[in-house]
């Protein structure tokens, strides 16, 4: 009973702190932010605060001051909060494991038929793959690899490939893939609020800007122009979105 009551109280406190901090972050996220570090901190703050409070304040206090022979019951509110906290933790674990497994499967699928490919200034394993759309992506966290499609290599010049690769290497040095996974697996109520998606979108945009600024090769004007040229070429290679016409709203010429 002592341990069961302690676990229930810990989960209830976790949910209460998580709920209050998620609401506060949802209000604060209505303002636009540009710094990637601040956006990441805001996104992870509810999970960090609730975990720190339970681990650093509640559990030591409960272990030291709660009588071992206490026979307190389980109130409805307390049990409900504990059950909701269990749902939040289980959902976060499921999201994190699912994202990790999908990334592993995608990397294995790409590298099964891939050819090793050397890129100047890249000290990570790079592979050339066959894919219908142009792509250069950094995959993996423990064993990061650079995936490049053959069509992209044939379209870009050597300078443009090197500039794009330097951008991906900046993501690698910033551990951006790990940060994405941590945000995905964060155990918080904020995940179900629109503010979480806004923070993640703004963080992704800020991370791209930081990767451009941090890439050593783009320090020169020629390299920056090469990176801009590569982005334009990739955008032109992407298929145009298909416009779907609704039968309930036909074009004016048909009426």
C-alpha atoms as a PDB file:
ATOM      1  CA  UNK A   1       0.000   0.000   0.000  1.00  0.00           C
ATOM      2  CA  UNK A   2       2.863   2.377   0.782  1.00  0.00           C
ATOM      3  CA  UNK A   3       4.453   1.945  -2.643  1.00  0.00           C
ATOM      4  CA  UNK A   4       1.119   1.886  -4.496  1.00  0.00           C
ATOM      5  CA  UNK A   5       0.033   5.092  -2.804  1.00  0.00           C
ATOM      6  CA  UNK A   6       3.367   6.704  -3.585  1.00  0.00           C
ATOM      7  CA  UNK A   7       3.199   5.771  -7.261  1.00  0.00           C
ATOM      8  CA  UNK A   8      -0.363   7.047  -7.510  1.00  0.00           C
ATOM      9  CA  UNK A   9       0.574  10.347  -5.892  1.00  0.00           C
ATOM     10  CA  UNK A  10       3.636  10.691  -8.132  1.00  0.00           C
ATOM     11  CA  UNK A  11       1.555  10.160 -11.259  1.00  0.00           C
ATOM     12  CA  UNK A  12      -1.104  12.571 -10.028  1.00  0.00           C
ATOM     13  CA  UNK A  13       1.483  15.276  -9.345  1.00  0.00           C
ATOM     14  CA  UNK A  14       3.043  14.611 -12.754  1.00  0.00           C
ATOM     15  CA  UNK A  15      -0.309  15.152 -14.465  1.00  0.00           C
ATOM     16  CA  UNK A  16      -1.167  18.272 -12.452  1.00  0.00           C
ATOM     17  CA  UNK A  17       2.186  20.002 -13.098  1.00  0.00           C
ATOM     18  CA  UNK A  18       2.092  18.885 -16.723  1.00  0.00           C
ATOM     19  CA  UNK A  19      -1.404  20.272 -17.228  1.00  0.00           C
ATOM     20  CA  UNK A  20      -0.617  23.670 -15.697  1.00  0.00           C
ATOM     21  CA  UNK A  21       2.697  24.093 -17.514  1.00  0.00           C
ATOM     22  CA  UNK A  22       1.199  22.957 -20.830  1.00  0.00           C
ATOM     23  CA  UNK A  23      -1.526  25.585 -20.495  1.00  0.00           C
ATOM     24  CA  UNK A  24       1.081  28.248 -19.711  1.00  0.00           C
ATOM     25  CA  UNK A  25       3.225  27.265 -22.701  1.00  0.00           C
ATOM     26  CA  UNK A  26       0.163  27.216 -24.971  1.00  0.00           C
ATOM     27  CA  UNK A  27      -0.465  30.841 -23.958  1.00  0.00           C
ATOM     28  CA  UNK A  28       3.189  31.844 -24.354  1.00  0.00           C
ATOM     29  CA  UNK A  29       3.456  30.142 -27.760  1.00  0.00           C
ATOM     30  CA  UNK A  30       1.000  32.623 -29.262  1.00  0.00           C
ATOM     31  CA  UNK A  31       3.940  34.985 -29.635  1.00  0.00           C
ATOM     32  CA  UNK A  32       6.390  34.338 -32.448  1.00  0.00           C
ATOM     33  CA  UNK A  33       9.917  33.291 -31.530  1.00  0.00           C
ATOM     34  CA  UNK A  34      12.953  32.994 -33.765  1.00  0.00           C
ATOM     35  CA  UNK A  35      15.601  31.281 -31.638  1.00  0.00           C
ATOM     36  CA  UNK A  36      15.692  27.511 -32.077  1.00  0.00           C
ATOM     37  CA  UNK A  37      16.948  26.961 -28.518  1.00  0.00           C
ATOM     38  CA  UNK A  38      14.064  28.936 -27.009  1.00  0.00           C
ATOM     39  CA  UNK A  39      11.495  27.139 -29.159  1.00  0.00           C
ATOM     40  CA  UNK A  40      12.918  23.758 -28.166  1.00  0.00           C
ATOM     41  CA  UNK A  41      12.930  24.747 -24.486  1.00  0.00           C
ATOM     42  CA  UNK A  42       9.307  25.892 -24.642  1.00  0.00           C
ATOM     43  CA  UNK A  43       8.244  22.680 -26.366  1.00  0.00           C
ATOM     44  CA  UNK A  44       9.949  20.458 -23.777  1.00  0.00           C
ATOM     45  CA  UNK A  45       9.237  22.568 -20.691  1.00  0.00           C
ATOM     46  CA  UNK A  46       6.001  20.822 -19.531  1.00  0.00           C
ATOM     47  CA  UNK A  47       7.588  17.366 -19.637  1.00  0.00           C
ATOM     48  CA  UNK A  48      10.795  18.647 -18.018  1.00  0.00           C
ATOM     49  CA  UNK A  49       9.012  20.528 -15.213  1.00  0.00           C
ATOM     50  CA  UNK A  50       6.654  17.698 -14.287  1.00  0.00           C
ATOM     51  CA  UNK A  51       9.453  15.107 -14.369  1.00  0.00           C
ATOM     52  CA  UNK A  52      11.811  17.311 -12.329  1.00  0.00           C
ATOM     53  CA  UNK A  53       9.157  18.041  -9.703  1.00  0.00           C
ATOM     54  CA  UNK A  54       8.236  14.384  -9.227  1.00  0.00           C
ATOM     55  CA  UNK A  55      11.840  13.136  -9.226  1.00  0.00           C
ATOM     56  CA  UNK A  56      13.449  16.013  -7.335  1.00  0.00           C
ATOM     57  CA  UNK A  57      10.747  17.173  -4.896  1.00  0.00           C
ATOM     58  CA  UNK A  58       7.913  14.715  -4.402  1.00  0.00           C
ATOM     59  CA  UNK A  59       9.676  11.338  -4.336  1.00  0.00           C
ATOM     60  CA  UNK A  60      12.431  12.347  -1.859  1.00  0.00           C
ATOM     61  CA  UNK A  61       9.854  14.028   0.396  1.00  0.00           C
ATOM     62  CA  UNK A  62       7.494  11.079   0.253  1.00  0.00           C
ATOM     63  CA  UNK A  63      10.257   8.589   0.997  1.00  0.00           C
ATOM     64  CA  UNK A  64      11.540  10.607   3.942  1.00  0.00           C
ATOM     65  CA  UNK A  65       8.378  11.881   5.619  1.00  0.00           C
ATOM     66  CA  UNK A  66       5.474   9.580   4.687  1.00  0.00           C
ATOM     67  CA  UNK A  67       4.761   7.026   7.448  1.00  0.00           C
ATOM     68  CA  UNK A  68       5.275   3.436   6.314  1.00  0.00           C
ATOM     69  CA  UNK A  69       2.178   2.247   8.164  1.00  0.00           C
ATOM     70  CA  UNK A  70      -0.126   4.840   6.599  1.00  0.00           C
ATOM     71  CA  UNK A  71      -3.450   3.431   5.394  1.00  0.00           C
ATOM     72  CA  UNK A  72      -4.671   6.360   3.317  1.00  0.00           C
ATOM     73  CA  UNK A  73      -7.250   5.555   0.669  1.00  0.00           C
ATOM     74  CA  UNK A  74      -7.265   6.390  -3.018  1.00  0.00           C
ATOM     75  CA  UNK A  75      -9.480   9.394  -3.750  1.00  0.00           C
ATOM     76  CA  UNK A  76     -11.367   9.589  -7.039  1.00  0.00           C
ATOM     77  CA  UNK A  77      -9.561  12.740  -8.198  1.00  0.00           C
ATOM     78  CA  UNK A  78      -6.180  11.337  -7.246  1.00  0.00           C
ATOM     79  CA  UNK A  79      -6.815   8.057  -9.061  1.00  0.00           C
ATOM     80  CA  UNK A  80      -8.185   9.858 -12.134  1.00  0.00           C
ATOM     81  CA  UNK A  81      -5.123  12.098 -12.376  1.00  0.00           C
ATOM     82  CA  UNK A  82      -2.845   9.076 -12.000  1.00  0.00           C
ATOM     83  CA  UNK A  83      -4.710   7.216 -14.751  1.00  0.00           C
ATOM     84  CA  UNK A  84      -4.493  10.225 -17.076  1.00  0.00           C
ATOM     85  CA  UNK A  85      -0.777  10.542 -16.380  1.00  0.00           C
ATOM     86  CA  UNK A  86      -0.357   6.875 -17.288  1.00  0.00           C
ATOM     87  CA  UNK A  87      -2.121   7.547 -20.605  1.00  0.00           C
ATOM     88  CA  UNK A  88       0.163  10.525 -21.284  1.00  0.00           C
ATOM     89  CA  UNK A  89       3.303   8.492 -20.552  1.00  0.00           C
ATOM     90  CA  UNK A  90       2.146   5.485 -22.589  1.00  0.00           C
ATOM     91  CA  UNK A  91       1.201   7.677 -25.561  1.00  0.00           C
ATOM     92  CA  UNK A  92       4.582   9.420 -25.473  1.00  0.00           C
ATOM     93  CA  UNK A  93       6.439   6.101 -25.343  1.00  0.00           C
ATOM     94  CA  UNK A  94       4.368   4.824 -28.261  1.00  0.00           C
ATOM     95  CA  UNK A  95       5.056   7.954 -30.342  1.00  0.00           C
ATOM     96  CA  UNK A  96       8.772   7.814 -29.666  1.00  0.00           C
ATOM     97  CA  UNK A  97       9.093   4.102 -30.401  1.00  0.00           C
ATOM     98  CA  UNK A  98       6.998   4.461 -33.556  1.00  0.00           C
ATOM     99  CA  UNK A  99       9.076   7.369 -34.867  1.00  0.00           C
ATOM    100  CA  UNK A 100      12.309   5.500 -34.104  1.00  0.00           C
ATOM    101  CA  UNK A 101      11.117   2.318 -35.821  1.00  0.00           C
ATOM    102  CA  UNK A 102       9.852   4.155 -38.911  1.00  0.00           C
ATOM    103  CA  UNK A 103      13.185   5.969 -39.253  1.00  0.00           C
ATOM    104  CA  UNK A 104      15.103   2.672 -38.949  1.00  0.00           C
ATOM    105  CA  UNK A 105      12.897   0.970 -41.554  1.00  0.00           C
ATOM    106  CA  UNK A 106      13.234   3.898 -43.967  1.00  0.00           C
ATOM    107  CA  UNK A 107      17.018   3.973 -43.578  1.00  0.00           C
ATOM    108  CA  UNK A 108      17.266   0.201 -44.131  1.00  0.00           C
ATOM    109  CA  UNK A 109      15.045   0.387 -47.194  1.00  0.00           C
ATOM    110  CA  UNK A 110      17.162   3.151 -48.697  1.00  0.00           C
ATOM    111  CA  UNK A 111      20.543   1.588 -47.936  1.00  0.00           C
ATOM    112  CA  UNK A 112      19.706  -1.952 -49.111  1.00  0.00           C
ATOM    113  CA  UNK A 113      20.178  -1.004 -52.760  1.00  0.00           C
ATOM    114  CA  UNK A 114      22.335   2.067 -52.171  1.00  0.00           C
ATOM    115  CA  UNK A 115      25.844   2.700 -53.461  1.00  0.00           C
ATOM    116  CA  UNK A 116      28.518   4.364 -51.315  1.00  0.00           C
ATOM    117  CA  UNK A 117      29.142   7.885 -52.500  1.00  0.00           C
ATOM    118  CA  UNK A 118      31.927  10.272 -51.503  1.00  0.00           C
ATOM    119  CA  UNK A 119      31.178  13.964 -50.997  1.00  0.00           C
ATOM    120  CA  UNK A 120      33.866  16.539 -50.331  1.00  0.00           C
ATOM    121  CA  UNK A 121      33.867  17.770 -46.737  1.00  0.00           C
ATOM    122  CA  UNK A 122      31.508  15.026 -45.471  1.00  0.00           C
ATOM    123  CA  UNK A 123      32.940  12.622 -42.880  1.00  0.00           C
ATOM    124  CA  UNK A 124      29.730  10.595 -42.560  1.00  0.00           C
ATOM    125  CA  UNK A 125      28.830   7.549 -44.687  1.00  0.00           C
ATOM    126  CA  UNK A 126      27.016   8.812 -47.779  1.00  0.00           C
ATOM    127  CA  UNK A 127      24.895   6.649 -50.078  1.00  0.00           C
ATOM    128  CA  UNK A 128      23.452   7.197 -53.539  1.00  0.00           C
ATOM    129  CA  UNK A 129      19.940   5.783 -53.933  1.00  0.00           C
ATOM    130  CA  UNK A 130      17.307   5.515 -56.644  1.00  0.00           C
ATOM    131  CA  UNK A 131      14.170   7.513 -55.929  1.00  0.00           C
ATOM    132  CA  UNK A 132      11.639   9.367 -58.090  1.00  0.00           C
ATOM    133  CA  UNK A 133      11.991  12.643 -56.177  1.00  0.00           C
ATOM    134  CA  UNK A 134      15.195  14.606 -55.486  1.00  0.00           C
ATOM    135  CA  UNK A 135      16.397  14.118 -51.949  1.00  0.00           C
ATOM    136  CA  UNK A 136      19.372  14.745 -49.688  1.00  0.00           C
ATOM    137  CA  UNK A 137      18.640  13.765 -46.112  1.00  0.00           C
ATOM    138  CA  UNK A 138      20.468  13.003 -42.895  1.00  0.00           C
ATOM    139  CA  UNK A 139      19.048   9.814 -41.364  1.00  0.00           C
ATOM    140  CA  UNK A 140      19.848   8.158 -38.058  1.00  0.00           C
ATOM    141  CA  UNK A 141      21.062   9.312 -34.662  1.00  0.00           C
ATOM    142  CA  UNK A 142      23.408   6.627 -33.349  1.00  0.00           C
ATOM    143  CA  UNK A 143      24.755   5.807 -36.824  1.00  0.00           C
ATOM    144  CA  UNK A 144      23.951   8.857 -38.964  1.00  0.00           C
ATOM    145  CA  UNK A 145      24.119   8.525 -42.738  1.00  0.00           C
ATOM    146  CA  UNK A 146      23.649  10.897 -45.636  1.00  0.00           C
ATOM    147  CA  UNK A 147      21.198   9.757 -48.312  1.00  0.00           C
ATOM    148  CA  UNK A 148      21.373  11.351 -51.782  1.00  0.00           C
ATOM    149  CA  UNK A 149      19.255  10.407 -54.790  1.00  0.00           C
ATOM    150  CA  UNK A 150      20.874   9.826 -58.153  1.00  0.00           C
ATOM    151  CA  UNK A 151      18.608  12.379 -59.822  1.00  0.00           C
ATOM    152  CA  UNK A 152      19.787  15.092 -57.434  1.00  0.00           C
ATOM    153  CA  UNK A 153      23.442  14.283 -58.079  1.00  0.00           C
ATOM    154  CA  UNK A 154      22.909  14.417 -61.832  1.00  0.00           C
ATOM    155  CA  UNK A 155      21.090  17.750 -61.578  1.00  0.00           C
ATOM    156  CA  UNK A 156      23.385  19.678 -59.240  1.00  0.00           C
ATOM    157  CA  UNK A 157      26.949  20.761 -59.843  1.00  0.00           C
ATOM    158  CA  UNK A 158      29.763  19.602 -57.570  1.00  0.00           C
ATOM    159  CA  UNK A 159      29.732  22.963 -55.765  1.00  0.00           C
ATOM    160  CA  UNK A 160      25.976  22.750 -55.208  1.00  0.00           C
ATOM    161  CA  UNK A 161      26.202  19.181 -53.891  1.00  0.00           C
ATOM    162  CA  UNK A 162      28.976  20.222 -51.494  1.00  0.00           C
ATOM    163  CA  UNK A 163      26.962  23.218 -50.249  1.00  0.00           C
ATOM    164  CA  UNK A 164      23.838  21.086 -49.688  1.00  0.00           C
ATOM    165  CA  UNK A 165      25.911  18.440 -47.900  1.00  0.00           C
ATOM    166  CA  UNK A 166      27.459  21.105 -45.657  1.00  0.00           C
ATOM    167  CA  UNK A 167      23.934  22.141 -44.678  1.00  0.00           C
ATOM    168  CA  UNK A 168      23.089  18.557 -43.682  1.00  0.00           C
ATOM    169  CA  UNK A 169      26.359  18.236 -41.757  1.00  0.00           C
ATOM    170  CA  UNK A 170      25.367  21.319 -39.755  1.00  0.00           C
ATOM    171  CA  UNK A 171      22.143  19.501 -38.799  1.00  0.00           C
ATOM    172  CA  UNK A 172      24.296  16.538 -37.728  1.00  0.00           C
ATOM    173  CA  UNK A 173      26.538  18.667 -35.515  1.00  0.00           C
ATOM    174  CA  UNK A 174      23.492  20.290 -33.914  1.00  0.00           C
ATOM    175  CA  UNK A 175      21.907  16.890 -33.148  1.00  0.00           C
ATOM    176  CA  UNK A 176      18.699  18.021 -34.851  1.00  0.00           C
ATOM    177  CA  UNK A 177      17.480  14.473 -35.510  1.00  0.00           C
ATOM    178  CA  UNK A 178      17.725  13.703 -31.800  1.00  0.00           C
ATOM    179  CA  UNK A 179      15.896  16.914 -30.934  1.00  0.00           C
ATOM    180  CA  UNK A 180      13.073  15.972 -33.302  1.00  0.00           C
ATOM    181  CA  UNK A 181      12.767  12.571 -31.652  1.00  0.00           C
ATOM    182  CA  UNK A 182      12.771  14.070 -28.142  1.00  0.00           C
ATOM    183  CA  UNK A 183       9.995  16.499 -29.092  1.00  0.00           C
ATOM    184  CA  UNK A 184       8.039  13.645 -30.631  1.00  0.00           C
ATOM    185  CA  UNK A 185       8.373  11.498 -27.510  1.00  0.00           C
ATOM    186  CA  UNK A 186       7.899  14.251 -24.928  1.00  0.00           C
ATOM    187  CA  UNK A 187       5.369  13.060 -22.284  1.00  0.00           C
ATOM    188  CA  UNK A 188       3.115  16.071 -22.057  1.00  0.00           C
ATOM    189  CA  UNK A 189      -0.424  17.268 -22.584  1.00  0.00           C
ATOM    190  CA  UNK A 190       0.945  20.006 -24.827  1.00  0.00           C
ATOM    191  CA  UNK A 191       1.223  17.405 -27.611  1.00  0.00           C
ATOM    192  CA  UNK A 192      -2.565  17.502 -28.061  1.00  0.00           C
ATOM    193  CA  UNK A 193      -2.663  21.308 -28.292  1.00  0.00           C
ATOM    194  CA  UNK A 194      -2.198  23.378 -31.481  1.00  0.00           C
ATOM    195  CA  UNK A 195       0.625  25.233 -29.730  1.00  0.00           C
ATOM    196  CA  UNK A 196       2.836  22.133 -29.896  1.00  0.00           C
ATOM    197  CA  UNK A 197       2.565  21.934 -33.679  1.00  0.00           C
ATOM    198  CA  UNK A 198       3.276  25.648 -33.985  1.00  0.00           C
ATOM    199  CA  UNK A 199       6.363  25.407 -31.790  1.00  0.00           C
ATOM    200  CA  UNK A 200       7.636  22.408 -33.751  1.00  0.00           C
ATOM    201  CA  UNK A 201       7.092  24.172 -37.100  1.00  0.00           C
ATOM    202  CA  UNK A 202       8.851  27.311 -35.893  1.00  0.00           C
ATOM    203  CA  UNK A 203      11.684  25.248 -34.441  1.00  0.00           C
ATOM    204  CA  UNK A 204      12.124  23.408 -37.768  1.00  0.00           C
ATOM    205  CA  UNK A 205      12.338  26.730 -39.638  1.00  0.00           C
ATOM    206  CA  UNK A 206      14.825  28.131 -37.116  1.00  0.00           C
ATOM    207  CA  UNK A 207      16.906  24.936 -37.284  1.00  0.00           C
ATOM    208  CA  UNK A 208      17.107  25.252 -41.081  1.00  0.00           C
ATOM    209  CA  UNK A 209      18.251  28.849 -40.727  1.00  0.00           C
ATOM    210  CA  UNK A 210      20.864  27.854 -38.151  1.00  0.00           C
ATOM    211  CA  UNK A 211      22.115  25.046 -40.393  1.00  0.00           C
ATOM    212  CA  UNK A 212      22.606  27.530 -43.225  1.00  0.00           C
ATOM    213  CA  UNK A 213      24.496  29.913 -40.957  1.00  0.00           C
ATOM    214  CA  UNK A 214      26.599  27.218 -39.256  1.00  0.00           C
ATOM    215  CA  UNK A 215      27.757  25.367 -42.374  1.00  0.00           C
ATOM    216  CA  UNK A 216      31.466  26.254 -42.823  1.00  0.00           C
ATOM    217  CA  UNK A 217      31.352  25.925 -46.582  1.00  0.00           C
ATOM    218  CA  UNK A 218      28.648  28.572 -46.954  1.00  0.00           C
ATOM    219  CA  UNK A 219      30.844  31.220 -45.322  1.00  0.00           C
ATOM    220  CA  UNK A 220      31.865  32.445 -48.764  1.00  0.00           C
ATOM    221  CA  UNK A 221      29.556  34.290 -51.135  1.00  0.00           C
ATOM    222  CA  UNK A 222      30.131  31.729 -53.904  1.00  0.00           C
ATOM    223  CA  UNK A 223      29.113  28.856 -51.625  1.00  0.00           C
ATOM    224  CA  UNK A 224      25.961  30.692 -50.500  1.00  0.00           C
ATOM    225  CA  UNK A 225      25.025  31.236 -54.133  1.00  0.00           C
ATOM    226  CA  UNK A 226      25.642  27.536 -54.815  1.00  0.00           C
ATOM    227  CA  UNK A 227      23.333  26.556 -51.962  1.00  0.00           C
ATOM    228  CA  UNK A 228      20.621  28.949 -53.183  1.00  0.00           C
ATOM    229  CA  UNK A 229      20.975  27.576 -56.710  1.00  0.00           C
ATOM    230  CA  UNK A 230      20.659  24.017 -55.416  1.00  0.00           C
ATOM    231  CA  UNK A 231      17.463  24.884 -53.534  1.00  0.00           C
ATOM    232  CA  UNK A 232      15.940  26.439 -56.650  1.00  0.00           C
ATOM    233  CA  UNK A 233      16.802  23.409 -58.763  1.00  0.00           C
ATOM    234  CA  UNK A 234      15.332  21.019 -56.213  1.00  0.00           C
ATOM    235  CA  UNK A 235      12.142  23.093 -56.023  1.00  0.00           C
ATOM    236  CA  UNK A 236      11.782  22.921 -59.799  1.00  0.00           C
ATOM    237  CA  UNK A 237      12.224  19.145 -59.766  1.00  0.00           C
ATOM    238  CA  UNK A 238       9.435  18.630 -57.243  1.00  0.00           C
ATOM    239  CA  UNK A 239       6.101  17.639 -58.815  1.00  0.00           C
ATOM    240  CA  UNK A 240       3.400  20.296 -58.815  1.00  0.00           C
ATOM    241  CA  UNK A 241       0.477  19.631 -56.455  1.00  0.00           C
ATOM    242  CA  UNK A 242      -2.585  18.199 -58.120  1.00  0.00           C
ATOM    243  CA  UNK A 243      -5.645  20.405 -57.849  1.00  0.00           C
ATOM    244  CA  UNK A 244      -8.730  18.356 -57.009  1.00  0.00           C
ATOM    245  CA  UNK A 245     -12.014  19.790 -58.271  1.00  0.00           C
ATOM    246  CA  UNK A 246     -15.132  19.362 -56.179  1.00  0.00           C
ATOM    247  CA  UNK A 247     -18.333  18.343 -57.973  1.00  0.00           C
ATOM    248  CA  UNK A 248     -20.371  20.367 -55.502  1.00  0.00           C
ATOM    249  CA  UNK A 249     -18.490  23.543 -56.470  1.00  0.00           C
ATOM    250  CA  UNK A 250     -17.997  23.400 -60.264  1.00  0.00           C
ATOM    251  CA  UNK A 251     -16.052  26.082 -62.138  1.00  0.00           C
ATOM    252  CA  UNK A 252     -18.017  29.125 -63.162  1.00  0.00           C
ATOM    253  CA  UNK A 253     -17.720  28.278 -66.878  1.00  0.00           C
ATOM    254  CA  UNK A 254     -19.578  24.990 -66.315  1.00  0.00           C
ATOM    255  CA  UNK A 255     -22.577  26.539 -64.604  1.00  0.00           C
END
